[in-house]
Amino acid sequence: MHSEPASKLPVAACLRKARRRVVIILEATAGGTRRHVNTLLDKISRKDFEPILYCSTGRDKNFLNDIRRFHKNSIKVRIFPMKREISPLSDMWCLLKTTLALRSDKPDIVHTHSSKAGFIGRLAAKFASCHAVVHTPHVFPFEMEVSCLQRFLYTSLERTAARWTSLLLAVCESEKLAAIQTCKFPEERVKVVHNSIDPDKWRENKTKRVKIRRLNGFAKKNFVVGMIARLDVQKGCFLFLEAAKIILAEDKSFRFVIAGSGPLGEAAEKFVSENSLSNYFLFYGHTERPDRIYRSLDCLAIPSLWEACPYTAIEAMAMQIPVVASNVGGIPEIITHRKSGIIVQGKKPEELAKAIVELKQNPGLAKKITRIARKRVVSKFNCNKTIPAVQKIYRKLWRQFKEPVSKLRVNRVGSAGAADGAAKWL
């Protein structure tokens, strides 16, 4: 039986079988955005999609390890000199380079992430005539604690960029609401797929827990409360310190762990020292293995001032660590109050302290929370479910725009070599 030559195969059949090229653009290569893009690139179907990453390397030096892993997995990576702050000359140069790269790579879909890459990437996609453009904000800049002038500027920029965006893919419902109400996105152009993890990689291990607690010098009677975050204004590290001070005034059996680094790191250590709390605190610094921190904890605190859909909450819940978190952003979508965690009002360290103490005094509540929390992560925040949902969105968006893209690419190769050309370009 002889197979039909590739050049005689119908072009439509080749287009169906070909992988869709997805360019992912990211500047904020740290924290949750880094985790989000890592999960997407690790889990996306390589049979159906050809991912390409455009990124900077200025945020977190550990992202270089991710890039090496992407290269081993045959994922193309282009590095751009994007800066976090507004820098007109640098931004214009990066816009030019991104536009030229998109014209060269000819993606079926462009997916931008966070503020800086979101604006530059979407504008470059417009200049490069890319038809299907997705954006994920990971918290809009106007939701942060900024001046009125900055809020006006960021809102104006986001409303402008909305015109170049085919679909806004939010990581939580609160982000979707901000897109509709503030950025003026039509509701039909906004979808939600929550941040997610692989629950099988985040499991409670009692043997490791005992070992790690012993290595950290925690006694069995100690109730250990942790905070795993960048030490900056957003994450509310001083709210955590104030809550710890309130708790330790009444109960010296508590211990506190801070894992993370940032601009407020030295100030945090100074606060602990000046209030004679050093014997009750352990500062880890930045860690690439947060699972080791979780295993030493009895409770995780998330006192953030603003958030989208924090990975720390999802990871701790998967490892059956009770979470106490601020009522901000997408946190109430992750945690059901007093069922899968405890929600407290933001900016109130006394409420945070009260909730933490309650978990120690009411072990029955803590046990119920951890059991329900694990089940919730498996069912709602499981990347084996969410990544297929993202792929479904990509496919739907590609079908919406495939005709002009297909015509462009088929015309480039001509009728004689249409099948080979379609495979090459798509």
Protein backbone atom coordinates (compact mmCIF):
# COMPACT_ATOMS: atom_id res chain seq x y z
CA MET A 1 0.00 0.00 0.00
CA HIS A 2 1.45 3.32 -1.10
CA SER A 3 1.02 6.49 0.93
CA GLU A 4 -0.01 9.66 -0.88
CA PRO A 5 2.85 12.14 -1.39
CA ALA A 6 2.91 15.03 1.06
CA SER A 7 2.54 17.54 -1.77
CA LYS A 8 -0.79 15.93 -2.80
CA LEU A 9 -2.35 15.97 0.69
CA PRO A 10 -5.19 18.46 1.19
CA VAL A 11 -3.96 21.68 2.78
CA ALA A 12 -6.86 21.62 5.27
CA ALA A 13 -5.69 18.22 6.56
CA CYS A 14 -2.16 19.54 7.05
CA LEU A 15 -3.44 22.58 8.94
CA ARG A 16 -5.51 20.37 11.25
CA LYS A 17 -2.53 18.16 12.06
CA ALA A 18 0.01 20.95 12.41
CA ARG A 19 1.01 22.32 15.81
CA ARG A 20 -0.18 25.79 16.69
CA ARG A 21 2.66 28.16 17.45
CA VAL A 22 2.14 30.06 20.73
CA VAL A 23 4.47 32.89 21.74
CA ILE A 24 4.43 33.59 25.48
CA ILE A 25 5.81 36.99 26.53
CA LEU A 26 6.94 37.62 30.12
CA GLU A 27 9.00 40.25 31.91
CA ALA A 28 8.05 39.46 35.54
CA THR A 29 10.12 36.26 35.76
CA ALA A 30 9.66 35.87 39.53
CA GLY A 31 7.00 34.79 42.02
CA GLY A 32 3.57 33.77 40.81
CA THR A 33 4.01 34.83 37.19
CA ARG A 34 7.13 32.70 36.96
CA ARG A 35 5.23 29.73 38.43
CA HIS A 36 2.30 30.31 36.09
CA VAL A 37 4.42 30.32 32.92
CA ASN A 38 6.50 27.37 34.13
CA THR A 39 3.36 25.32 34.69
CA LEU A 40 1.99 26.29 31.29
CA LEU A 41 5.19 25.41 29.43
CA ASP A 42 5.69 22.16 31.36
CA LYS A 43 2.14 20.93 30.84
CA ILE A 44 1.07 22.26 27.44
CA SER A 45 0.51 19.57 24.81
CA ARG A 46 3.57 19.48 22.57
CA LYS A 47 1.59 17.38 20.14
CA ASP A 48 -0.83 20.25 19.51
CA PHE A 49 1.22 23.34 20.34
CA GLU A 50 4.69 24.73 19.70
CA PRO A 51 5.45 27.15 22.56
CA ILE A 52 8.07 29.90 22.23
CA LEU A 53 9.05 32.06 25.21
CA TYR A 54 10.04 35.74 24.98
CA CYS A 55 11.37 36.88 28.35
CA SER A 56 13.80 39.03 30.29
CA THR A 57 16.21 37.75 32.93
CA GLY A 58 16.46 40.81 35.16
CA ARG A 59 14.05 39.84 37.94
CA ASP A 60 15.24 36.52 39.34
CA LYS A 61 18.58 34.89 38.54
CA ASN A 62 17.01 31.49 39.30
CA PHE A 63 14.89 31.89 36.17
CA LEU A 64 18.04 31.04 34.21
CA ASN A 65 17.65 27.48 35.52
CA ASP A 66 14.13 27.44 34.07
CA ILE A 67 15.48 28.59 30.71
CA ARG A 68 18.02 25.75 30.70
CA ARG A 69 15.19 23.29 31.37
CA PHE A 70 13.12 24.80 28.55
CA HIS A 71 16.05 24.39 26.16
CA LYS A 72 16.40 20.72 27.17
CA ASN A 73 12.69 20.30 26.42
CA SER A 74 13.21 21.85 22.95
CA ILE A 75 11.34 25.05 23.80
CA LYS A 76 12.71 28.05 21.94
CA VAL A 77 13.56 31.01 24.18
CA ARG A 78 14.26 34.57 23.06
CA ILE A 79 15.73 36.91 25.71
CA PHE A 80 14.83 40.61 25.63
CA PRO A 81 16.17 43.49 27.79
CA MET A 82 12.78 44.38 29.27
CA LYS A 83 12.91 46.46 32.45
CA ARG A 84 10.28 46.54 35.18
CA GLU A 85 10.23 50.33 35.49
CA ILE A 86 9.10 52.69 32.73
CA SER A 87 12.17 53.48 30.61
CA PRO A 88 11.23 55.17 27.28
CA LEU A 89 14.39 54.41 25.31
CA SER A 90 14.72 50.86 26.61
CA ASP A 91 11.00 50.20 26.11
CA MET A 92 11.08 51.49 22.51
CA TRP A 93 14.10 49.31 21.73
CA CYS A 94 12.38 46.29 23.29
CA LEU A 95 9.18 47.04 21.34
CA LEU A 96 11.15 47.07 18.08
CA LYS A 97 12.95 43.81 18.86
CA THR A 98 9.70 42.11 19.94
CA THR A 99 7.91 43.25 16.77
CA LEU A 100 10.70 41.94 14.55
CA ALA A 101 10.79 38.64 16.45
CA LEU A 102 7.02 38.18 16.06
CA ARG A 103 7.26 38.90 12.34
CA SER A 104 9.96 36.24 12.12
CA ASP A 105 8.25 33.59 14.28
CA LYS A 106 4.73 34.19 12.85
CA PRO A 107 2.79 32.83 15.84
CA ASP A 108 -0.80 31.64 15.67
CA ILE A 109 -1.35 33.01 19.19
CA VAL A 110 0.47 35.60 21.29
CA HIS A 111 -0.05 35.31 25.08
CA THR A 112 1.34 38.16 27.19
CA HIS A 113 1.71 38.17 30.96
CA SER A 114 1.76 40.94 33.59
CA SER A 115 2.01 44.71 33.04
CA LYS A 116 5.23 45.58 31.20
CA ALA A 117 5.31 42.58 28.87
CA GLY A 118 1.55 42.91 28.53
CA PHE A 119 1.73 46.39 27.04
CA ILE A 120 4.89 45.99 24.95
CA GLY A 121 3.87 42.51 23.79
CA ARG A 122 0.37 43.50 22.73
CA LEU A 123 1.57 46.61 20.90
CA ALA A 124 4.27 44.56 19.14
CA ALA A 125 1.63 41.97 18.17
CA LYS A 126 -0.44 44.77 16.63
CA PHE A 127 2.56 46.05 14.63
CA ALA A 128 3.40 42.47 13.56
CA SER A 129 -0.20 41.85 12.44
CA CYS A 130 -0.75 38.99 14.89
CA HIS A 131 -4.46 38.25 14.97
CA ALA A 132 -5.02 36.19 18.14
CA VAL A 133 -3.70 38.00 21.22
CA VAL A 134 -4.31 36.85 24.82
CA HIS A 135 -3.34 38.76 27.95
CA THR A 136 -3.13 37.61 31.58
CA PRO A 137 -2.62 40.52 34.04
CA HIS A 138 -1.66 38.67 37.27
CA VAL A 139 -3.03 41.78 39.10
CA PHE A 140 -3.57 45.02 37.22
CA PRO A 141 -1.09 47.80 38.14
CA PHE A 142 -3.92 50.17 39.04
CA GLU A 143 -5.02 47.72 41.79
CA MET A 144 -1.72 48.23 43.63
CA GLU A 145 -0.97 50.93 46.17
CA VAL A 146 0.04 53.72 43.80
CA SER A 147 -0.57 57.46 43.54
CA CYS A 148 -3.70 58.86 41.89
CA LEU A 149 -1.63 60.01 38.92
CA GLN A 150 -0.08 56.56 38.49
CA ARG A 151 -3.49 54.91 38.80
CA PHE A 152 -4.85 57.19 36.06
CA LEU A 153 -1.84 56.46 33.82
CA TYR A 154 -2.04 52.67 34.33
CA THR A 155 -5.79 52.65 33.76
CA SER A 156 -5.39 54.63 30.54
CA LEU A 157 -2.66 52.30 29.27
CA GLU A 158 -4.71 49.19 30.07
CA ARG A 159 -7.78 50.60 28.32
CA THR A 160 -5.66 51.39 25.27
CA ALA A 161 -4.08 47.92 25.22
CA ALA A 162 -7.53 46.35 25.54
CA ARG A 163 -8.16 47.40 21.93
CA TRP A 164 -5.32 45.15 20.79
CA THR A 165 -6.43 42.18 22.89
CA SER A 166 -8.55 39.36 21.50
CA LEU A 167 -9.13 37.80 24.92
CA LEU A 168 -8.24 38.62 28.51
CA LEU A 169 -7.51 35.41 30.41
CA ALA A 170 -7.80 36.24 34.11
CA VAL A 171 -6.49 34.04 36.94
CA CYS A 172 -9.44 34.85 39.22
CA GLU A 173 -12.94 36.29 39.12
CA SER A 174 -11.88 39.51 40.85
CA GLU A 175 -9.39 40.11 38.04
CA LYS A 176 -12.15 39.50 35.49
CA LEU A 177 -14.34 42.06 37.25
CA ALA A 178 -11.55 44.66 37.16
CA ALA A 179 -11.05 44.02 33.44
CA ILE A 180 -14.73 44.59 32.72
CA GLN A 181 -15.38 47.50 35.06
CA THR A 182 -12.12 49.46 34.84
CA CYS A 183 -10.49 48.39 31.56
CA LYS A 184 -13.88 48.34 29.78
CA PHE A 185 -13.41 44.86 28.32
CA PRO A 186 -16.63 43.37 26.90
CA GLU A 187 -17.63 40.48 29.17
CA GLU A 188 -17.58 37.99 26.29
CA ARG A 189 -13.86 38.73 25.78
CA VAL A 190 -12.88 37.83 29.35
CA LYS A 191 -12.40 34.27 30.63
CA VAL A 192 -11.12 32.89 33.93
CA VAL A 193 -8.72 29.99 34.48
CA HIS A 194 -7.33 29.95 38.01
CA ASN A 195 -3.69 29.43 38.89
CA SER A 196 -3.03 25.78 39.61
CA ILE A 197 -0.50 23.17 40.68
CA ASP A 198 0.03 19.43 40.33
CA PRO A 199 -1.43 18.13 43.64
CA ASP A 200 0.57 14.90 43.37
CA LYS A 201 3.77 16.92 43.80
CA TRP A 202 2.47 18.71 46.90
CA ARG A 203 1.61 16.10 49.52
CA GLU A 204 1.84 15.87 53.27
CA ASN A 205 4.73 13.66 54.43
CA LYS A 206 4.73 13.12 58.19
CA THR A 207 8.16 11.48 58.26
CA LYS A 208 9.80 14.40 56.45
CA ARG A 209 7.81 16.83 58.60
CA VAL A 210 9.23 15.42 61.83
CA LYS A 211 12.77 15.47 60.41
CA ILE A 212 12.58 19.05 59.10
CA ARG A 213 11.04 20.40 62.32
CA ARG A 214 13.81 18.75 64.33
CA LEU A 215 16.49 20.21 62.04
CA ASN A 216 14.97 23.68 62.50
CA GLY A 217 15.00 23.28 66.27
CA PHE A 218 11.21 23.24 66.75
CA ALA A 219 9.89 21.30 69.72
CA LYS A 220 6.70 19.25 69.54
CA LYS A 221 4.88 21.86 71.67
CA ASN A 222 5.80 24.71 69.30
CA PHE A 223 3.06 25.99 66.99
CA VAL A 224 4.94 27.16 63.91
CA VAL A 225 3.49 29.93 61.74
CA GLY A 226 5.05 30.75 58.40
CA MET A 227 5.04 33.40 55.73
CA ILE A 228 6.51 32.54 52.32
CA ALA A 229 6.64 35.66 50.18
CA ARG A 230 8.72 38.46 48.75
CA LEU A 231 9.38 40.93 51.55
CA ASP A 232 7.77 44.05 50.15
CA VAL A 233 4.75 46.27 50.76
CA GLN A 234 2.36 44.08 48.77
CA LYS A 235 2.87 40.96 50.86
CA GLY A 236 2.22 42.70 54.20
CA CYS A 237 5.31 41.41 55.99
CA PHE A 238 5.01 44.05 58.74
CA LEU A 239 1.40 43.01 59.36
CA PHE A 240 2.78 39.52 59.93
CA LEU A 241 5.41 40.88 62.34
CA GLU A 242 2.85 42.92 64.26
CA ALA A 243 0.56 39.88 64.56
CA ALA A 244 3.49 37.81 65.84
CA LYS A 245 4.26 40.44 68.44
CA ILE A 246 0.64 40.38 69.64
CA ILE A 247 0.65 36.57 69.86
CA LEU A 248 3.99 36.29 71.66
CA ALA A 249 2.85 38.76 74.30
CA GLU A 250 0.43 36.04 75.48
CA ASP A 251 1.97 32.74 74.38
CA LYS A 252 5.69 32.05 74.04
CA SER A 253 5.21 28.56 72.55
CA PHE A 254 4.67 30.04 69.07
CA ARG A 255 7.46 30.15 66.51
CA PHE A 256 7.54 32.17 63.29
CA VAL A 257 9.23 31.45 59.99
CA ILE A 258 9.79 33.97 57.18
CA ALA A 259 10.97 32.59 53.83
CA GLY A 260 11.67 35.22 51.21
CA SER A 261 13.80 38.20 50.34
CA GLY A 262 13.08 41.71 49.18
CA PRO A 263 13.44 45.42 49.90
CA LEU A 264 11.93 45.15 53.39
CA GLY A 265 14.09 42.21 54.49
CA GLU A 266 16.58 44.20 56.57
CA ALA A 267 13.82 46.30 58.12
CA ALA A 268 11.94 43.14 59.09
CA GLU A 269 14.98 41.65 60.83
CA LYS A 270 15.60 44.96 62.58
CA PHE A 271 11.98 45.01 63.86
CA VAL A 272 12.39 41.50 65.29
CA SER A 273 15.68 42.41 66.97
CA GLU A 274 14.45 45.71 68.44
CA ASN A 275 11.36 44.02 69.91
CA SER A 276 13.43 41.20 71.47
CA LEU A 277 11.70 38.56 69.34
CA SER A 278 14.79 36.97 67.77
CA ASN A 279 14.45 33.74 69.77
CA TYR A 280 11.04 33.15 68.23
CA PHE A 281 11.84 33.89 64.58
CA LEU A 282 13.64 32.03 61.82
CA PHE A 283 14.54 33.94 58.62
CA TYR A 284 15.17 31.59 55.70
CA GLY A 285 15.75 34.05 52.89
CA HIS A 286 14.72 33.12 49.36
CA THR A 287 14.05 29.44 48.73
CA GLU A 288 13.55 27.39 45.57
CA ARG A 289 12.12 24.55 47.69
CA PRO A 290 9.08 25.97 49.53
CA ASP A 291 7.81 22.43 50.16
CA ARG A 292 10.53 22.07 52.82
CA ILE A 293 9.23 25.19 54.56
CA TYR A 294 5.61 24.04 54.44
CA ARG A 295 6.53 20.76 56.12
CA SER A 296 7.72 22.58 59.22
CA LEU A 297 4.55 24.68 59.57
CA ASP A 298 1.32 24.37 61.52
CA CYS A 299 -0.17 27.40 59.78
CA LEU A 300 0.58 29.64 56.79
CA ALA A 301 -0.24 33.35 56.95
CA ILE A 302 -0.91 35.46 53.84
CA PRO A 303 -1.45 39.06 55.05
CA SER A 304 -1.21 40.58 51.54
CA LEU A 305 -2.56 44.02 50.67
CA TRP A 306 -3.40 42.94 47.12
CA GLU A 307 -3.26 39.61 45.31
CA ALA A 308 -4.61 37.79 42.28
CA CYS A 309 -4.54 34.03 42.89
CA PRO A 310 -1.54 33.28 45.17
CA TYR A 311 0.26 29.99 44.68
CA THR A 312 1.30 29.83 48.34
CA ALA A 313 -2.33 29.41 49.41
CA ILE A 314 -2.89 26.61 46.89
CA GLU A 315 0.37 24.81 47.76
CA ALA A 316 -0.19 24.97 51.52
CA MET A 317 -3.76 23.71 51.12
CA ALA A 318 -2.51 20.81 49.00
CA MET A 319 0.00 19.93 51.74
CA GLN A 320 -2.75 20.16 54.36
CA ILE A 321 -1.39 23.24 56.12
CA PRO A 322 -4.16 25.57 57.42
CA VAL A 323 -4.08 29.00 55.76
CA VAL A 324 -5.05 32.35 57.28
CA ALA A 325 -5.26 35.01 54.57
CA SER A 326 -6.44 38.53 53.84
CA ASN A 327 -9.76 39.12 52.14
CA VAL A 328 -8.23 40.54 48.95
CA GLY A 329 -8.25 39.72 45.24
CA GLY A 330 -8.85 36.09 44.38
CA ILE A 331 -8.11 34.70 47.85
CA PRO A 332 -11.83 34.25 48.74
CA GLU A 333 -12.15 32.19 45.54
CA ILE A 334 -9.47 29.81 46.82
CA ILE A 335 -10.46 29.73 50.49
CA THR A 336 -13.97 29.22 51.78
CA HIS A 337 -14.01 30.88 55.21
CA ARG A 338 -13.78 28.38 58.08
CA LYS A 339 -14.09 25.45 55.66
CA SER A 340 -10.88 25.37 53.63
CA GLY A 341 -9.08 28.14 55.52
CA ILE A 342 -9.68 31.35 57.47
CA ILE A 343 -10.24 34.73 55.84
CA VAL A 344 -9.45 37.91 57.80
CA GLN A 345 -9.88 41.57 57.03
CA GLY A 346 -6.76 43.08 55.49
CA LYS A 347 -4.44 45.53 57.25
CA LYS A 348 -5.57 44.37 60.71
CA PRO A 349 -2.78 42.44 62.50
CA GLU A 350 -5.00 41.87 65.55
CA GLU A 351 -7.48 39.89 63.40
CA LEU A 352 -4.63 37.91 61.85
CA ALA A 353 -3.28 37.12 65.33
CA LYS A 354 -6.71 36.08 66.60
CA ALA A 355 -7.25 33.65 63.72
CA ILE A 356 -3.80 32.08 64.14
CA VAL A 357 -4.33 31.58 67.88
CA GLU A 358 -7.72 29.99 67.20
CA LEU A 359 -6.13 27.35 64.98
CA LYS A 360 -3.80 26.37 67.81
CA GLN A 361 -6.56 26.30 70.40
CA ASN A 362 -9.01 24.45 68.16
CA PRO A 363 -7.17 21.51 66.55
CA GLY A 364 -10.50 20.05 65.43
CA LEU A 365 -11.12 23.10 63.24
CA ALA A 366 -7.58 22.94 61.87
CA LYS A 367 -7.98 19.25 60.97
CA LYS A 368 -11.31 19.85 59.24
CA ILE A 369 -9.84 22.74 57.26
CA THR A 370 -6.84 20.75 56.02
CA ARG A 371 -8.99 17.83 54.89
CA ILE A 372 -11.40 20.03 52.91
CA ALA A 373 -8.59 22.23 51.58
CA ARG A 374 -6.72 19.32 49.98
CA LYS A 375 -9.89 18.13 48.24
CA ARG A 376 -10.60 21.65 47.00
CA VAL A 377 -7.16 21.96 45.40
CA VAL A 378 -7.48 18.57 43.69
CA SER A 379 -10.86 19.50 42.22
CA LYS A 380 -10.51 23.24 41.50
CA PHE A 381 -6.83 24.20 41.30
CA ASN A 382 -5.36 21.17 39.56
CA CYS A 383 -3.13 21.96 36.57
CA ASN A 384 -4.10 18.65 34.97
CA LYS A 385 -7.53 20.28 34.55
CA THR A 386 -6.68 23.94 34.07
CA ILE A 387 -4.00 23.59 31.37
CA PRO A 388 -6.39 21.64 29.10
CA ALA A 389 -8.85 24.50 29.68
CA VAL A 390 -6.23 27.01 28.49
CA GLN A 391 -5.51 24.84 25.45
CA LYS A 392 -9.22 24.74 24.65
CA ILE A 393 -9.26 28.56 24.72
CA TYR A 394 -6.22 28.68 22.43
CA ARG A 395 -7.89 26.33 19.94
CA LYS A 396 -11.14 28.29 19.95
CA LEU A 397 -9.29 31.55 19.45
CA TRP A 398 -7.18 30.07 16.66
CA ARG A 399 -10.29 28.81 14.85
CA GLN A 400 -11.73 32.31 15.11
CA PHE A 401 -8.69 33.84 13.38
CA LYS A 402 -7.31 30.91 11.37
CA GLU A 403 -8.60 31.96 7.95
CA PRO A 404 -6.42 35.05 7.48
CA VAL A 405 -3.41 33.29 9.02
CA SER A 406 -3.90 30.16 6.91
CA LYS A 407 -4.28 32.16 3.71
CA LEU A 408 -1.11 34.11 4.47
CA ARG A 409 0.94 30.99 5.06
CA VAL A 410 -0.46 28.91 2.20
CA ASN A 411 0.11 31.79 -0.23
CA ARG A 412 3.75 31.96 0.86
CA VAL A 413 4.50 28.36 -0.26
CA GLY A 414 2.30 28.15 -3.34
CA SER A 415 0.08 25.31 -4.47
CA ALA A 416 2.76 22.77 -5.45
CA GLY A 417 4.33 22.60 -1.98
CA ALA A 418 1.31 23.57 0.06
CA ALA A 419 1.46 20.63 2.45
CA ASP A 420 5.17 20.97 3.20
CA GLY A 421 4.81 24.72 3.56
CA ALA A 422 1.86 24.45 5.94
CA ALA A 423 3.81 22.03 8.11
CA LYS A 424 6.80 24.37 8.10
CA TRP A 425 4.89 27.49 9.04
CA LEU A 426 2.30 26.02 11.40
